[in-house]
Amino acid sequence: MTIRPPSDAEQKQWPTSVIVPIDEKFTDERGEIIPLSDLTMDSAVMISSKKGTVRANHYHQTDWHLCYVISGSIDYYHRPHGSTDDPDHVHVKTGELFFTPPLVDHAMVFPEDTVFLTLGRNPRDQETYESDVVRIPPIEPQS
C-alpha cells in the first residue's frame, strides 16, 4: 500500500495548536450545527474508551487526526517524534476538538468512560492504518 505524503499546501491548512478552536455553531429552532472541519479527509470513526484505559502510544508517518470529544475526557500526551523530552500534556474535555499531525508521538489516557469522534486524513481500513502507524514505547506517565 502506498500512502501519499502530505503536500506543503495541505500542511498549511493544518491547525497550529493541539486544541483547535471551533467556529461558531449555527443554532435555530431545529437544533444546532457544530462545524468541526473543512479539511480533506478519508475516514471518520467513533471510538469509545473505558475509564483507566490507554490508546495510541504511536505516531503516524503521513496521517493526521482531529478528535472531537463527545462525552468524557482525555489526557492527551504528545511530543515530536524522536524527542526524548517528557511529553506535553493537555486535558481535553467534552466538546473540545484537538489535532495530531504526522510525526508526533502521542498517547491518550482516559480518566473516565469517553466517546470521541476521530476524523482522519487516511482511510481507516486495517491495511492502510497499519502501513502508516509506528508503535512506540509508552510515553504517558506510568502509575
Protein backbone atom coordinates (compact mmCIF):
# COMPACT_ATOMS: atom_id res chain seq x y z
CA MET A 1 0.00 0.00 0.00
CA THR A 2 1.38 3.40 -0.99
CA ILE A 3 0.28 6.32 1.12
CA ARG A 4 0.66 9.79 -0.34
CA PRO A 5 2.95 12.12 1.60
CA PRO A 6 1.40 15.38 2.84
CA SER A 7 1.94 18.28 0.46
CA ASP A 8 3.15 21.70 1.55
CA ALA A 9 -0.23 23.16 0.60
CA GLU A 10 -2.01 20.57 2.74
CA GLN A 11 0.24 21.24 5.72
CA LYS A 12 -0.50 24.98 5.54
CA GLN A 13 -4.18 24.17 6.24
CA TRP A 14 -3.48 22.20 9.42
CA PRO A 15 -4.28 23.66 12.83
CA THR A 16 -1.26 25.12 14.60
CA SER A 17 -2.24 24.18 18.15
CA VAL A 18 -3.35 20.98 19.87
CA ILE A 19 -6.71 22.36 20.97
CA VAL A 20 -8.49 23.60 17.86
CA PRO A 21 -10.93 26.50 18.17
CA ILE A 22 -14.37 25.54 16.91
CA ASP A 23 -16.10 28.07 14.69
CA GLU A 24 -19.36 29.48 15.99
CA LYS A 25 -22.15 26.92 15.89
CA PHE A 26 -25.31 27.56 13.93
CA THR A 27 -28.44 27.34 16.05
CA ASP A 28 -32.08 27.61 15.10
CA GLU A 29 -35.39 26.07 16.17
CA ARG A 30 -34.34 22.68 14.73
CA GLY A 31 -31.19 22.39 16.84
CA GLU A 32 -27.55 23.20 16.15
CA ILE A 33 -24.73 22.51 13.72
CA ILE A 34 -21.17 22.45 15.07
CA PRO A 35 -18.52 22.93 12.32
CA LEU A 36 -15.65 20.55 13.12
CA SER A 37 -13.52 20.55 9.96
CA ASP A 38 -13.25 21.56 6.34
CA LEU A 39 -10.02 19.60 5.79
CA THR A 40 -9.99 16.88 3.16
CA MET A 41 -10.16 13.52 4.94
CA ASP A 42 -10.77 9.88 4.14
CA SER A 43 -12.04 8.49 7.44
CA ALA A 44 -14.36 9.13 10.35
CA VAL A 45 -14.63 6.74 13.28
CA MET A 46 -16.32 6.91 16.65
CA ILE A 47 -14.32 5.36 19.49
CA SER A 48 -15.42 4.51 22.99
CA SER A 49 -12.85 4.01 25.71
CA LYS A 50 -13.31 2.76 29.24
CA LYS A 51 -12.05 4.59 32.32
CA GLY A 52 -8.39 3.82 33.03
CA THR A 53 -7.51 2.58 29.54
CA VAL A 54 -4.81 3.88 27.20
CA ARG A 55 -4.82 4.27 23.41
CA ALA A 56 -2.15 5.19 20.87
CA ASN A 57 1.48 5.21 22.05
CA HIS A 58 2.38 5.58 18.40
CA TYR A 59 2.92 8.12 15.67
CA HIS A 60 1.69 8.32 12.10
CA GLN A 61 4.01 8.74 9.14
CA THR A 62 1.52 10.66 6.97
CA ASP A 63 -1.86 10.54 8.73
CA TRP A 64 -3.27 13.26 10.94
CA HIS A 65 -6.39 13.22 13.03
CA LEU A 66 -8.83 15.65 14.52
CA CYS A 67 -10.61 14.26 17.58
CA TYR A 68 -13.84 15.67 18.98
CA VAL A 69 -14.78 14.57 22.50
CA ILE A 70 -18.47 13.72 22.57
CA SER A 71 -18.54 12.67 26.23
CA GLY A 72 -15.93 12.15 28.93
CA SER A 73 -12.37 13.49 28.72
CA ILE A 74 -8.89 12.56 27.51
CA ASP A 75 -5.46 13.15 28.99
CA TYR A 76 -3.52 13.63 25.76
CA TYR A 77 0.28 13.34 25.75
CA HIS A 78 2.36 14.40 22.75
CA ARG A 79 5.88 15.28 21.61
CA PRO A 80 7.70 15.49 18.26
CA HIS A 81 8.80 12.08 17.08
CA GLY A 82 12.41 11.40 18.02
CA SER A 83 12.33 13.65 21.07
CA THR A 84 13.38 12.20 24.41
CA ASP A 85 11.79 15.09 26.34
CA ASP A 86 8.84 14.40 28.58
CA PRO A 87 5.67 14.73 26.53
CA ASP A 88 3.41 17.74 26.83
CA HIS A 89 0.07 17.04 28.49
CA VAL A 90 -3.31 18.50 27.53
CA HIS A 91 -6.55 17.62 29.31
CA VAL A 92 -9.23 17.57 26.61
CA LYS A 93 -12.82 17.97 27.79
CA THR A 94 -16.25 17.19 26.38
CA GLY A 95 -16.99 19.48 23.43
CA GLU A 96 -13.34 20.16 22.60
CA LEU A 97 -11.55 19.38 19.34
CA PHE A 98 -7.85 18.50 19.18
CA PHE A 99 -5.34 17.85 16.39
CA THR A 100 -2.45 15.41 15.96
CA PRO A 101 -0.26 15.92 12.87
CA PRO A 102 2.03 13.28 11.37
CA LEU A 103 5.32 12.52 13.12
CA VAL A 104 4.04 13.33 16.61
CA ASP A 105 4.35 10.66 19.29
CA HIS A 106 1.07 10.58 21.17
CA ALA A 107 -0.92 8.70 23.77
CA MET A 108 -4.42 9.07 25.15
CA VAL A 109 -5.33 8.14 28.72
CA PHE A 110 -8.99 8.02 29.72
CA PRO A 111 -9.74 9.23 33.27
CA GLU A 112 -13.41 8.38 32.70
CA ASP A 113 -15.54 6.49 30.19
CA THR A 114 -15.19 8.51 27.00
CA VAL A 115 -16.63 8.63 23.49
CA PHE A 116 -14.84 10.60 20.79
CA LEU A 117 -15.03 11.09 17.05
CA THR A 118 -11.80 10.80 15.05
CA LEU A 119 -11.59 12.42 11.61
CA GLY A 120 -8.51 11.28 9.71
CA ARG A 121 -6.57 12.09 6.58
CA ASN A 122 -6.04 8.47 5.50
CA PRO A 123 -8.55 5.64 5.15
CA ARG A 124 -9.07 3.66 8.37
CA ASP A 125 -9.08 0.17 6.86
CA GLN A 126 -6.63 -2.04 8.74
CA GLU A 127 -4.12 -2.42 5.90
CA THR A 128 -3.77 1.34 5.33
CA TYR A 129 -3.72 2.09 9.06
CA GLU A 130 -1.03 -0.49 9.84
CA SER A 131 1.17 0.64 6.94
CA ASP A 132 1.23 4.20 8.32
CA VAL A 133 1.31 3.78 12.13
CA VAL A 134 4.53 3.17 14.06
CA ARG A 135 4.15 1.93 17.62
CA ILE A 136 6.46 3.34 20.30
CA PRO A 137 7.16 2.60 23.96
CA PRO A 138 4.61 4.23 26.29
CA ILE A 139 5.05 7.99 26.67
CA GLU A 140 2.28 8.65 29.19
CA PRO A 141 3.11 8.65 32.91
CA GLN A 142 3.04 5.13 34.30
CA SER A 143 1.15 4.58 37.54
